[in-house]
Amino acid sequence: MTNGQNGQKKKLETQLWNIADSLRGKMNADEFRDYCLGFIFYKYLSERQHLYANGILAEDKIDFLELDESSEEGQEYLEAIKEESIAELGYFLKPSEWEVSPGF
């Protein structure tokens, strides 16, 4: 790595730390880390659920996020996906429980 690249890397690192400090406000660094790690883990779980459910729904050409949870048909799909998800993944999250995740 050249000196110019090292300088750019250091500048980027400093900017990222300043942004993190600004975002966390009065929260200490450990609390902020735990908060961010929780979001990252939740993002992982929701994406894994989405991919798994879409695999199940592929035959019907339905996207998991587009299921109508208020309809009887949507409830039937959710129940079937829930059973398979719990058996395979060990958990289940309905799309309404993680609406913010896809754009996270």
Protein backbone atom coordinates (compact mmCIF):
# COMPACT_ATOMS: atom_id res chain seq x y z
CA MET A 1 0.00 0.00 0.00
CA THR A 2 1.40 3.39 -0.93
CA ASN A 3 1.69 6.36 1.41
CA GLY A 4 -1.16 8.05 -0.45
CA GLN A 5 -3.41 5.04 0.07
CA ASN A 6 -2.43 4.84 3.74
CA GLY A 7 -3.29 8.53 4.12
CA GLN A 8 -6.67 8.06 2.46
CA LYS A 9 -7.39 5.01 4.60
CA LYS A 10 -6.51 6.93 7.78
CA LYS A 11 -8.67 9.88 6.69
CA LEU A 12 -11.61 7.57 5.98
CA GLU A 13 -11.14 5.85 9.34
CA THR A 14 -11.17 9.23 11.11
CA GLN A 15 -14.33 10.30 9.25
CA LEU A 16 -16.09 7.03 10.13
CA TRP A 17 -15.18 7.40 13.82
CA ASN A 18 -16.47 11.00 13.78
CA ILE A 19 -19.75 9.85 12.20
CA ALA A 20 -20.09 7.05 14.78
CA ASP A 21 -19.42 9.51 17.62
CA SER A 22 -22.04 11.86 16.21
CA LEU A 23 -24.63 9.09 15.81
CA ARG A 24 -24.20 7.63 19.26
CA GLY A 25 -24.64 10.97 20.98
CA LYS A 26 -24.43 10.53 24.76
CA MET A 27 -24.38 6.73 24.53
CA ASN A 28 -21.01 5.26 25.47
CA ALA A 29 -19.06 3.32 22.84
CA ASP A 30 -19.85 -0.10 24.36
CA GLU A 31 -23.60 0.58 24.42
CA PHE A 32 -23.45 1.85 20.85
CA ARG A 33 -21.52 -1.23 19.74
CA ASP A 34 -24.12 -3.52 21.31
CA TYR A 35 -26.91 -1.49 19.72
CA CYS A 36 -25.30 -1.72 16.26
CA LEU A 37 -24.48 -5.41 16.61
CA GLY A 38 -28.12 -6.07 17.49
CA PHE A 39 -29.23 -4.36 14.28
CA ILE A 40 -26.67 -6.24 12.22
CA PHE A 41 -27.76 -9.57 13.71
CA TYR A 42 -31.44 -8.73 13.14
CA LYS A 43 -30.63 -7.79 9.54
CA TYR A 44 -28.90 -11.15 9.08
CA LEU A 45 -31.88 -13.05 10.53
CA SER A 46 -34.42 -11.17 8.42
CA GLU A 47 -32.44 -11.64 5.19
CA ARG A 48 -31.96 -15.32 5.94
CA GLN A 49 -35.70 -15.67 6.62
CA HIS A 50 -36.53 -13.83 3.39
CA LEU A 51 -34.26 -16.06 1.28
CA TYR A 52 -35.54 -19.24 2.93
CA ALA A 53 -39.21 -18.26 2.57
CA ASN A 54 -38.70 -17.20 -1.05
CA GLY A 55 -37.22 -20.63 -1.73
CA ILE A 56 -40.41 -22.19 -0.42
CA LEU A 57 -42.62 -19.76 -2.36
CA ALA A 58 -40.63 -19.92 -5.63
CA GLU A 59 -42.91 -22.56 -7.11
CA ASP A 60 -45.89 -20.23 -6.60
CA LYS A 61 -43.91 -17.21 -7.87
CA ILE A 62 -44.63 -15.22 -4.71
CA ASP A 63 -42.24 -12.98 -2.80
CA PHE A 64 -42.35 -13.41 0.97
CA LEU A 65 -42.47 -9.64 1.52
CA GLU A 66 -45.53 -9.33 -0.70
CA LEU A 67 -47.70 -11.79 1.25
CA ASP A 68 -50.89 -10.20 2.52
CA GLU A 69 -50.80 -11.10 6.19
CA SER A 70 -54.40 -9.98 6.66
CA SER A 71 -55.84 -12.38 4.07
CA GLU A 72 -56.75 -16.00 4.71
CA GLU A 73 -54.46 -17.15 1.90
CA GLY A 74 -51.58 -15.07 3.30
CA GLN A 75 -52.15 -16.58 6.76
CA GLU A 76 -52.04 -20.09 5.29
CA TYR A 77 -48.74 -19.36 3.54
CA LEU A 78 -47.31 -17.81 6.70
CA GLU A 79 -48.31 -20.78 8.83
CA ALA A 80 -46.69 -23.23 6.38
CA ILE A 81 -43.53 -21.11 6.15
CA LYS A 82 -43.46 -20.74 9.92
CA GLU A 83 -43.51 -24.50 10.47
CA GLU A 84 -40.75 -25.11 7.94
CA SER A 85 -38.68 -22.14 9.11
CA ILE A 86 -38.76 -23.20 12.74
CA ALA A 87 -37.80 -26.75 11.78
CA GLU A 88 -34.97 -25.64 9.46
CA LEU A 89 -33.79 -22.25 10.74
CA GLY A 90 -34.87 -22.45 14.35
CA TYR A 91 -36.88 -19.22 14.21
CA PHE A 92 -39.55 -17.41 12.22
CA LEU A 93 -40.10 -13.71 11.52
CA LYS A 94 -43.18 -12.42 9.70
CA PRO A 95 -42.52 -9.64 7.17
CA SER A 96 -44.50 -7.21 9.34
CA GLU A 97 -42.04 -7.85 12.17
CA TRP A 98 -39.11 -6.59 10.10
CA GLU A 99 -40.47 -4.14 7.56
CA VAL A 100 -37.54 -1.79 8.15
CA SER A 101 -34.92 -4.49 7.47
CA PRO A 102 -35.02 -4.74 3.68
CA GLY A 103 -33.99 -1.10 3.34
CA PHE A 104 -31.61 -1.20 6.28
